[in-house]
Amino acid sequence: MEAVAISSSLPISLKQSVEICNFIRGKTSDKGKRILEQVIEKKIAVPYKRYMHGVGHRPGKMASGRYPINASMHILSVLKSAESNAENKGMSSPFQISEAIANQASRSWRSGRHRRRKRKSAHIKIVLMEIRAKVKPAEAAGEKKVQKEKQAEKQNKNRAEK
């Protein structure tokens, strides 16, 4: 099962939202929320890997990065909406962010005296999936032993009957 949250025409930069979506994709929803909250507090920088021209380096294990606060707040609200959609569907947590997509929205003219500039906007889509409980290797090995023992018993019975 999966839960989807789509928000259209958000007043955020497409480039920033692409980098944020790439940063949180594949993580659990709790970890994604924690990361976005720390970006808003300027404790973790979002690594810029695609749109990195002129972006300075940040401390830690990244090269270039920034703190896109406004875009992080909007994407955090979309992520919370996706989580509530998942809970409403009856999915059990934890959830994994399987898709985090940013697309360009229509660019309308700014109002007022802004010298013919166009407004930045982006569409955000976040898809959450249920994380299934993984079988531990020891349990899987125990199940295989039981199956092998059953096969051995069947073979012994067949030999005894002959």
N, C-alpha and C. Protein backbone atom coordinates (compact mmCIF):
# COMPACT_ATOMS: atom_id res chain seq x y z
N MET A 1 0.83 -1.18 0.00
CA MET A 1 0.00 0.00 0.00
C MET A 1 0.88 1.24 0.00
N GLU A 2 0.34 2.30 -0.57
CA GLU A 2 1.07 3.55 -0.57
C GLU A 2 0.11 4.71 -0.39
N ALA A 3 0.63 5.78 0.16
CA ALA A 3 -0.14 6.99 0.39
C ALA A 3 0.55 8.14 -0.35
N VAL A 4 -0.26 9.00 -0.97
CA VAL A 4 0.28 10.07 -1.81
C VAL A 4 -0.19 11.42 -1.27
N ALA A 5 0.70 12.41 -1.34
CA ALA A 5 0.33 13.79 -1.06
C ALA A 5 0.92 14.65 -2.16
N ILE A 6 0.07 15.45 -2.79
CA ILE A 6 0.50 16.32 -3.89
C ILE A 6 0.13 17.75 -3.53
N SER A 7 1.08 18.63 -3.70
CA SER A 7 0.82 20.05 -3.49
C SER A 7 1.27 20.78 -4.74
N SER A 8 0.41 21.61 -5.28
CA SER A 8 0.73 22.25 -6.54
C SER A 8 0.89 23.76 -6.38
N SER A 9 1.71 24.31 -7.22
CA SER A 9 1.98 25.75 -7.30
C SER A 9 2.43 26.34 -5.97
N LEU A 10 3.38 25.68 -5.33
CA LEU A 10 3.97 26.22 -4.11
C LEU A 10 4.91 27.36 -4.46
N PRO A 11 4.97 28.42 -3.68
CA PRO A 11 5.85 29.56 -4.01
C PRO A 11 7.29 29.33 -3.58
N ILE A 12 7.90 28.27 -4.11
CA ILE A 12 9.29 27.93 -3.77
C ILE A 12 10.08 27.70 -5.05
N SER A 13 11.37 27.76 -4.92
CA SER A 13 12.26 27.57 -6.06
C SER A 13 12.30 26.09 -6.47
N LEU A 14 12.27 25.85 -7.76
CA LEU A 14 12.33 24.49 -8.27
C LEU A 14 13.68 23.86 -7.95
N LYS A 15 14.75 24.63 -8.10
CA LYS A 15 16.08 24.08 -7.87
C LYS A 15 16.27 23.65 -6.42
N GLN A 16 15.81 24.47 -5.50
CA GLN A 16 15.92 24.10 -4.09
C GLN A 16 15.07 22.89 -3.76
N SER A 17 13.86 22.84 -4.32
CA SER A 17 12.97 21.72 -4.01
C SER A 17 13.48 20.41 -4.61
N VAL A 18 14.14 20.47 -5.76
CA VAL A 18 14.74 19.26 -6.35
C VAL A 18 15.83 18.72 -5.44
N GLU A 19 16.67 19.59 -4.93
CA GLU A 19 17.77 19.16 -4.05
C GLU A 19 17.23 18.59 -2.73
N ILE A 20 16.18 19.20 -2.19
CA ILE A 20 15.60 18.70 -0.94
C ILE A 20 14.97 17.33 -1.17
N CYS A 21 14.23 17.18 -2.28
CA CYS A 21 13.59 15.90 -2.57
C CYS A 21 14.62 14.80 -2.77
N ASN A 22 15.73 15.11 -3.44
CA ASN A 22 16.79 14.13 -3.60
C ASN A 22 17.41 13.75 -2.25
N PHE A 23 17.44 14.69 -1.32
CA PHE A 23 18.04 14.47 -0.01
C PHE A 23 17.18 13.56 0.86
N ILE A 24 15.85 13.69 0.80
CA ILE A 24 14.99 12.91 1.70
C ILE A 24 14.47 11.63 1.08
N ARG A 25 14.61 11.45 -0.23
CA ARG A 25 14.08 10.25 -0.89
C ARG A 25 14.79 9.01 -0.38
N GLY A 26 14.00 7.96 -0.08
CA GLY A 26 14.55 6.70 0.39
C GLY A 26 14.65 6.58 1.89
N LYS A 27 14.45 7.67 2.60
CA LYS A 27 14.53 7.64 4.06
C LYS A 27 13.15 7.37 4.65
N THR A 28 13.09 7.08 5.93
CA THR A 28 11.80 6.91 6.58
C THR A 28 11.17 8.28 6.78
N SER A 29 9.87 8.29 6.98
CA SER A 29 9.18 9.58 7.11
C SER A 29 9.60 10.30 8.39
N ASP A 30 9.85 9.56 9.46
CA ASP A 30 10.30 10.19 10.71
C ASP A 30 11.67 10.84 10.52
N LYS A 31 12.57 10.13 9.86
CA LYS A 31 13.90 10.67 9.62
C LYS A 31 13.83 11.87 8.68
N GLY A 32 12.96 11.80 7.66
CA GLY A 32 12.80 12.92 6.74
C GLY A 32 12.28 14.16 7.44
N LYS A 33 11.30 13.98 8.34
CA LYS A 33 10.78 15.12 9.10
C LYS A 33 11.86 15.71 9.99
N ARG A 34 12.62 14.84 10.65
CA ARG A 34 13.68 15.31 11.53
C ARG A 34 14.74 16.09 10.74
N ILE A 35 15.09 15.60 9.56
CA ILE A 35 16.08 16.28 8.72
C ILE A 35 15.57 17.66 8.31
N LEU A 36 14.32 17.73 7.85
CA LEU A 36 13.77 19.01 7.40
C LEU A 36 13.67 20.01 8.55
N GLU A 37 13.32 19.54 9.74
CA GLU A 37 13.27 20.43 10.89
C GLU A 37 14.66 20.96 11.24
N GLN A 38 15.69 20.12 11.10
CA GLN A 38 17.05 20.56 11.38
C GLN A 38 17.56 21.52 10.30
N VAL A 39 17.09 21.36 9.06
CA VAL A 39 17.46 22.30 8.00
C VAL A 39 16.84 23.66 8.30
N ILE A 40 15.59 23.67 8.79
CA ILE A 40 14.93 24.93 9.14
C ILE A 40 15.66 25.63 10.28
N GLU A 41 16.21 24.84 11.22
CA GLU A 41 16.97 25.41 12.34
C GLU A 41 18.42 25.69 11.96
N LYS A 42 18.83 25.44 10.74
CA LYS A 42 20.19 25.63 10.22
C LYS A 42 21.22 24.79 10.96
N LYS A 43 20.84 23.54 11.27
CA LYS A 43 21.78 22.62 11.90
C LYS A 43 22.34 21.63 10.89
N ILE A 44 21.56 21.30 9.85
CA ILE A 44 22.01 20.41 8.78
C ILE A 44 21.82 21.15 7.47
N ALA A 45 22.82 21.11 6.61
CA ALA A 45 22.71 21.73 5.29
C ALA A 45 22.25 20.68 4.28
N VAL A 46 21.48 21.11 3.30
CA VAL A 46 21.05 20.22 2.22
C VAL A 46 22.18 20.17 1.20
N PRO A 47 22.71 18.98 0.89
CA PRO A 47 23.79 18.91 -0.10
C PRO A 47 23.27 19.22 -1.50
N TYR A 48 23.93 20.13 -2.19
CA TYR A 48 23.55 20.48 -3.55
C TYR A 48 24.46 19.70 -4.49
N LYS A 49 23.86 18.81 -5.26
CA LYS A 49 24.63 17.96 -6.17
C LYS A 49 24.39 18.29 -7.63
N ARG A 50 23.23 18.87 -7.93
CA ARG A 50 22.89 19.16 -9.32
C ARG A 50 23.01 20.65 -9.63
N TYR A 51 22.39 21.47 -8.81
CA TYR A 51 22.41 22.92 -9.02
C TYR A 51 23.39 23.54 -8.04
N MET A 52 24.70 23.33 -8.27
CA MET A 52 25.68 23.71 -7.27
C MET A 52 26.61 24.82 -7.72
N HIS A 53 26.32 25.47 -8.84
CA HIS A 53 27.20 26.52 -9.33
C HIS A 53 27.15 27.73 -8.39
N GLY A 54 28.29 28.08 -7.85
CA GLY A 54 28.37 29.24 -6.97
C GLY A 54 27.92 28.96 -5.54
N VAL A 55 27.72 27.70 -5.17
CA VAL A 55 27.28 27.35 -3.83
C VAL A 55 28.51 26.99 -3.00
N GLY A 56 28.65 27.61 -1.83
CA GLY A 56 29.81 27.38 -0.99
C GLY A 56 29.78 26.04 -0.29
N HIS A 57 30.95 25.61 0.18
CA HIS A 57 31.06 24.34 0.90
C HIS A 57 30.52 24.49 2.31
N ARG A 58 30.09 23.36 2.88
CA ARG A 58 29.56 23.32 4.23
C ARG A 58 30.35 22.30 5.04
N PRO A 59 30.37 22.44 6.37
CA PRO A 59 31.09 21.46 7.18
C PRO A 59 30.40 20.11 7.16
N GLY A 60 31.19 19.08 7.34
CA GLY A 60 30.65 17.72 7.35
C GLY A 60 31.10 16.95 6.13
N LYS A 61 30.36 15.91 5.80
CA LYS A 61 30.74 15.03 4.70
C LYS A 61 30.09 15.45 3.39
N MET A 62 30.00 16.73 3.14
CA MET A 62 29.43 17.20 1.88
C MET A 62 30.32 18.28 1.32
N ALA A 63 30.14 18.52 0.05
CA ALA A 63 30.90 19.59 -0.59
C ALA A 63 30.08 20.87 -0.51
N SER A 64 29.22 21.09 -1.49
CA SER A 64 28.43 22.31 -1.50
C SER A 64 27.05 22.05 -0.91
N GLY A 65 26.51 23.05 -0.24
CA GLY A 65 25.20 22.90 0.37
C GLY A 65 24.64 24.23 0.82
N ARG A 66 23.33 24.23 1.08
CA ARG A 66 22.64 25.43 1.56
C ARG A 66 21.59 25.06 2.58
N TYR A 67 20.97 26.09 3.14
CA TYR A 67 19.89 25.93 4.11
C TYR A 67 18.60 26.54 3.52
N PRO A 68 17.90 25.83 2.62
CA PRO A 68 16.68 26.39 2.02
C PRO A 68 15.50 26.30 3.00
N ILE A 69 15.34 27.33 3.81
CA ILE A 69 14.37 27.30 4.91
C ILE A 69 12.94 27.31 4.39
N ASN A 70 12.61 28.23 3.48
CA ASN A 70 11.24 28.37 3.00
C ASN A 70 10.78 27.10 2.27
N ALA A 71 11.62 26.58 1.40
CA ALA A 71 11.26 25.36 0.67
C ALA A 71 11.14 24.18 1.62
N SER A 72 11.99 24.11 2.63
CA SER A 72 11.93 23.02 3.60
C SER A 72 10.63 23.04 4.39
N MET A 73 10.15 24.24 4.73
CA MET A 73 8.89 24.34 5.48
C MET A 73 7.72 23.84 4.63
N HIS A 74 7.69 24.19 3.35
CA HIS A 74 6.61 23.75 2.49
C HIS A 74 6.66 22.23 2.27
N ILE A 75 7.85 21.69 2.03
CA ILE A 75 7.98 20.25 1.79
C ILE A 75 7.68 19.47 3.07
N LEU A 76 8.03 20.03 4.23
CA LEU A 76 7.70 19.38 5.50
C LEU A 76 6.19 19.28 5.68
N SER A 77 5.46 20.32 5.29
CA SER A 77 4.00 20.27 5.42
C SER A 77 3.41 19.23 4.47
N VAL A 78 3.98 19.07 3.26
CA VAL A 78 3.51 18.04 2.33
C VAL A 78 3.82 16.65 2.88
N LEU A 79 4.98 16.48 3.51
CA LEU A 79 5.35 15.19 4.10
C LEU A 79 4.42 14.83 5.26
N LYS A 80 4.07 15.81 6.08
CA LYS A 80 3.13 15.55 7.19
C LYS A 80 1.76 15.18 6.64
N SER A 81 1.36 15.82 5.55
CA SER A 81 0.08 15.49 4.92
C SER A 81 0.09 14.06 4.38
N ALA A 82 1.20 13.64 3.79
CA ALA A 82 1.31 12.27 3.28
C ALA A 82 1.24 11.27 4.43
N GLU A 83 1.87 11.60 5.56
CA GLU A 83 1.81 10.72 6.73
C GLU A 83 0.38 10.58 7.25
N SER A 84 -0.34 11.69 7.32
CA SER A 84 -1.72 11.61 7.80
C SER A 84 -2.60 10.86 6.81
N ASN A 85 -2.31 10.98 5.50
CA ASN A 85 -3.04 10.20 4.50
C ASN A 85 -2.79 8.70 4.70
N ALA A 86 -1.55 8.34 5.00
CA ALA A 86 -1.20 6.94 5.21
C ALA A 86 -1.91 6.38 6.44
N GLU A 87 -1.93 7.16 7.52
CA GLU A 87 -2.61 6.71 8.73
C GLU A 87 -4.12 6.61 8.51
N ASN A 88 -4.66 7.51 7.70
CA ASN A 88 -6.08 7.48 7.38
C ASN A 88 -6.44 6.24 6.56
N LYS A 89 -5.51 5.78 5.73
CA LYS A 89 -5.72 4.57 4.93
C LYS A 89 -5.60 3.30 5.77
N GLY A 90 -5.08 3.43 6.97
CA GLY A 90 -4.92 2.27 7.84
C GLY A 90 -3.56 1.61 7.72
N MET A 91 -2.61 2.29 7.12
CA MET A 91 -1.26 1.74 7.00
C MET A 91 -0.55 1.86 8.35
N SER A 92 0.30 0.88 8.64
CA SER A 92 1.03 0.92 9.90
C SER A 92 2.41 1.51 9.68
N SER A 93 2.82 2.33 10.63
CA SER A 93 4.13 2.98 10.51
C SER A 93 5.21 1.97 10.87
N PRO A 94 6.42 2.11 10.47
CA PRO A 94 7.07 3.23 9.83
C PRO A 94 6.83 3.25 8.32
N PHE A 95 6.95 4.44 7.75
CA PHE A 95 6.76 4.62 6.32
C PHE A 95 8.09 4.99 5.67
N GLN A 96 8.24 4.59 4.42
CA GLN A 96 9.43 4.96 3.66
C GLN A 96 9.02 5.93 2.57
N ILE A 97 9.83 6.96 2.34
CA ILE A 97 9.56 7.92 1.28
C ILE A 97 10.06 7.29 -0.02
N SER A 98 9.15 6.68 -0.76
CA SER A 98 9.56 5.99 -1.98
C SER A 98 9.70 6.97 -3.15
N GLU A 99 8.89 8.02 -3.17
CA GLU A 99 8.99 9.03 -4.22
C GLU A 99 8.92 10.40 -3.59
N ALA A 100 9.81 11.26 -3.99
CA ALA A 100 9.76 12.68 -3.63
C ALA A 100 10.14 13.42 -4.91
N ILE A 101 9.14 14.00 -5.55
CA ILE A 101 9.33 14.57 -6.89
C ILE A 101 8.99 16.05 -6.86
N ALA A 102 9.84 16.85 -7.48
CA ALA A 102 9.58 18.28 -7.64
C ALA A 102 9.50 18.58 -9.14
N ASN A 103 8.41 19.20 -9.55
CA ASN A 103 8.22 19.59 -10.95
C ASN A 103 7.98 21.09 -11.02
N GLN A 104 8.28 21.65 -12.19
CA GLN A 104 8.09 23.08 -12.36
C GLN A 104 6.62 23.40 -12.59
N ALA A 105 6.14 24.44 -11.92
CA ALA A 105 4.76 24.90 -12.10
C ALA A 105 4.78 26.11 -13.04
N SER A 106 3.61 26.61 -13.36
CA SER A 106 3.54 27.77 -14.25
C SER A 106 4.11 28.99 -13.55
N ARG A 107 4.79 29.82 -14.31
CA ARG A 107 5.44 31.00 -13.74
C ARG A 107 4.64 32.23 -14.13
N SER A 108 3.89 32.74 -13.17
CA SER A 108 3.07 33.92 -13.43
C SER A 108 3.86 35.19 -13.13
N TRP A 109 3.35 36.31 -13.63
CA TRP A 109 4.01 37.60 -13.39
C TRP A 109 3.81 38.03 -11.94
N ARG A 110 4.83 38.64 -11.39
CA ARG A 110 4.71 39.21 -10.05
C ARG A 110 3.83 40.46 -10.12
N SER A 111 3.15 40.73 -9.02
CA SER A 111 2.31 41.92 -8.99
C SER A 111 3.11 43.10 -8.45
N GLY A 112 2.72 44.30 -8.80
CA GLY A 112 3.39 45.49 -8.30
C GLY A 112 4.54 45.93 -9.20
N ARG A 113 5.44 46.69 -8.62
CA ARG A 113 6.55 47.25 -9.40
C ARG A 113 7.78 46.37 -9.28
N HIS A 114 7.75 45.23 -9.95
CA HIS A 114 8.85 44.28 -9.86
C HIS A 114 9.58 44.09 -11.18
N ARG A 115 9.58 45.08 -12.03
CA ARG A 115 10.37 45.10 -13.27
C ARG A 115 10.16 43.86 -14.13
N ARG A 116 8.96 43.45 -14.33
CA ARG A 116 8.63 42.35 -15.24
C ARG A 116 9.32 41.05 -14.84
N ARG A 117 9.30 40.71 -13.59
CA ARG A 117 9.86 39.43 -13.13
C ARG A 117 8.75 38.41 -13.00
N LYS A 118 9.12 37.17 -13.18
CA LYS A 118 8.15 36.10 -13.00
C LYS A 118 8.36 35.42 -11.66
N ARG A 119 7.27 34.92 -11.11
CA ARG A 119 7.25 34.29 -9.80
C ARG A 119 7.74 32.83 -9.93
N LYS A 120 8.52 32.37 -8.96
CA LYS A 120 8.97 30.97 -8.94
C LYS A 120 7.89 30.12 -8.30
N SER A 121 7.66 28.94 -8.85
CA SER A 121 6.70 28.03 -8.23
C SER A 121 7.02 26.60 -8.64
N ALA A 122 6.61 25.66 -7.78
CA ALA A 122 6.92 24.25 -8.02
C ALA A 122 5.77 23.38 -7.52
N HIS A 123 5.64 22.20 -8.14
CA HIS A 123 4.72 21.17 -7.67
C HIS A 123 5.54 20.14 -6.90
N ILE A 124 5.00 19.63 -5.79
CA ILE A 124 5.67 18.61 -4.99
C ILE A 124 4.76 17.40 -4.85
N LYS A 125 5.34 16.21 -5.07
CA LYS A 125 4.61 14.96 -4.89
C LYS A 125 5.44 14.04 -4.00
N ILE A 126 4.82 13.56 -2.93
CA ILE A 126 5.50 12.64 -2.01
C ILE A 126 4.66 11.39 -1.87
N VAL A 127 5.29 10.23 -2.07
CA VAL A 127 4.63 8.93 -1.95
C VAL A 127 5.30 8.15 -0.83
N LEU A 128 4.48 7.68 0.11
CA LEU A 128 4.98 6.88 1.24
C LEU A 128 4.54 5.44 1.07
N MET A 129 5.43 4.51 1.40
CA MET A 129 5.12 3.08 1.37
C MET A 129 5.36 2.50 2.75
N GLU A 130 4.61 1.42 3.04
CA GLU A 130 4.80 0.71 4.30
C GLU A 130 6.11 -0.05 4.25
N ILE A 131 6.83 -0.03 5.35
CA ILE A 131 8.05 -0.83 5.45
C ILE A 131 7.64 -2.16 6.05
N ARG A 132 7.88 -3.22 5.32
CA ARG A 132 7.53 -4.55 5.81
C ARG A 132 8.62 -5.04 6.73
N ALA A 133 8.22 -5.82 7.71
CA ALA A 133 9.18 -6.37 8.67
C ALA A 133 10.10 -7.35 7.95
N LYS A 134 11.39 -7.12 8.09
CA LYS A 134 12.36 -8.00 7.45
C LYS A 134 12.56 -9.25 8.28
N VAL A 135 12.71 -10.40 7.62
CA VAL A 135 12.96 -11.66 8.31
C VAL A 135 14.44 -11.71 8.64
N LYS A 136 14.74 -12.00 9.89
CA LYS A 136 16.13 -12.08 10.31
C LYS A 136 16.77 -13.32 9.69
N PRO A 137 18.05 -13.25 9.33
CA PRO A 137 18.73 -14.40 8.73
C PRO A 137 18.71 -15.63 9.63
N ALA A 138 18.79 -15.46 10.94
CA ALA A 138 18.78 -16.61 11.85
C ALA A 138 17.43 -17.32 11.78
N GLU A 139 16.34 -16.54 11.72
CA GLU A 139 15.01 -17.14 11.63
C GLU A 139 14.85 -17.87 10.31
N ALA A 140 15.34 -17.27 9.23
CA ALA A 140 15.24 -17.91 7.92
C ALA A 140 16.04 -19.21 7.90
N ALA A 141 17.22 -19.20 8.54
CA ALA A 141 18.04 -20.41 8.60
C ALA A 141 17.34 -21.50 9.42
N GLY A 142 16.68 -21.10 10.51
CA GLY A 142 15.94 -22.06 11.33
C GLY A 142 14.79 -22.69 10.56
N GLU A 143 14.10 -21.88 9.75
CA GLU A 143 13.01 -22.41 8.93
C GLU A 143 13.55 -23.40 7.90
N LYS A 144 14.72 -23.11 7.34
CA LYS A 144 15.31 -24.02 6.35
C LYS A 144 15.70 -25.34 6.99
N LYS A 145 16.20 -25.30 8.24
CA LYS A 145 16.56 -26.52 8.94
C LYS A 145 15.33 -27.39 9.15
N VAL A 146 14.24 -26.77 9.54
CA VAL A 146 13.00 -27.52 9.78
C VAL A 146 12.53 -28.17 8.49
N GLN A 147 12.61 -27.44 7.39
CA GLN A 147 12.20 -27.99 6.09
C GLN A 147 13.09 -29.16 5.69
N LYS A 148 14.39 -29.03 5.90
CA LYS A 148 15.32 -30.11 5.56
C LYS A 148 15.04 -31.35 6.41
N GLU A 149 14.74 -31.14 7.69
CA GLU A 149 14.43 -32.27 8.57
C GLU A 149 13.16 -32.98 8.11
N LYS A 150 12.15 -32.24 7.70
CA LYS A 150 10.91 -32.84 7.21
C LYS A 150 11.17 -33.64 5.94
N GLN A 151 12.01 -33.11 5.05
CA GLN A 151 12.33 -33.83 3.82
C GLN A 151 13.09 -35.11 4.14
N ALA A 152 14.00 -35.04 5.10
CA ALA A 152 14.76 -36.23 5.49
C ALA A 152 13.84 -37.29 6.09
N GLU A 153 12.86 -36.87 6.91
CA GLU A 153 11.90 -37.81 7.48
C GLU A 153 11.07 -38.48 6.39
N LYS A 154 10.65 -37.74 5.39
CA LYS A 154 9.88 -38.29 4.27
C LYS A 154 10.70 -39.32 3.51
N GLN A 155 11.99 -39.00 3.29
CA GLN A 155 12.85 -39.93 2.57
C GLN A 155 13.06 -41.20 3.38
N ASN A 156 13.21 -41.06 4.69
CA ASN A 156 13.38 -42.24 5.55
C ASN A 156 12.13 -43.12 5.52
N LYS A 157 10.95 -42.50 5.54
CA LYS A 157 9.71 -43.26 5.47
C LYS A 157 9.59 -43.98 4.14
N ASN A 158 9.96 -43.32 3.07
CA ASN A 158 9.90 -43.95 1.73
C ASN A 158 10.87 -45.13 1.66
N ARG A 159 12.03 -44.99 2.25
CA ARG A 159 13.00 -46.10 2.24
C ARG A 159 12.50 -47.27 3.09
N ALA A 160 11.86 -46.95 4.21
CA ALA A 160 11.35 -48.00 5.09
C ALA A 160 10.20 -48.77 4.42
N GLU A 161 9.38 -48.07 3.66
CA GLU A 161 8.28 -48.72 2.97
C GLU A 161 8.76 -49.65 1.87
N LYS A 162 9.88 -49.34 1.24
CA LYS A 162 10.40 -50.17 0.15
C LYS A 162 11.01 -51.39 0.70
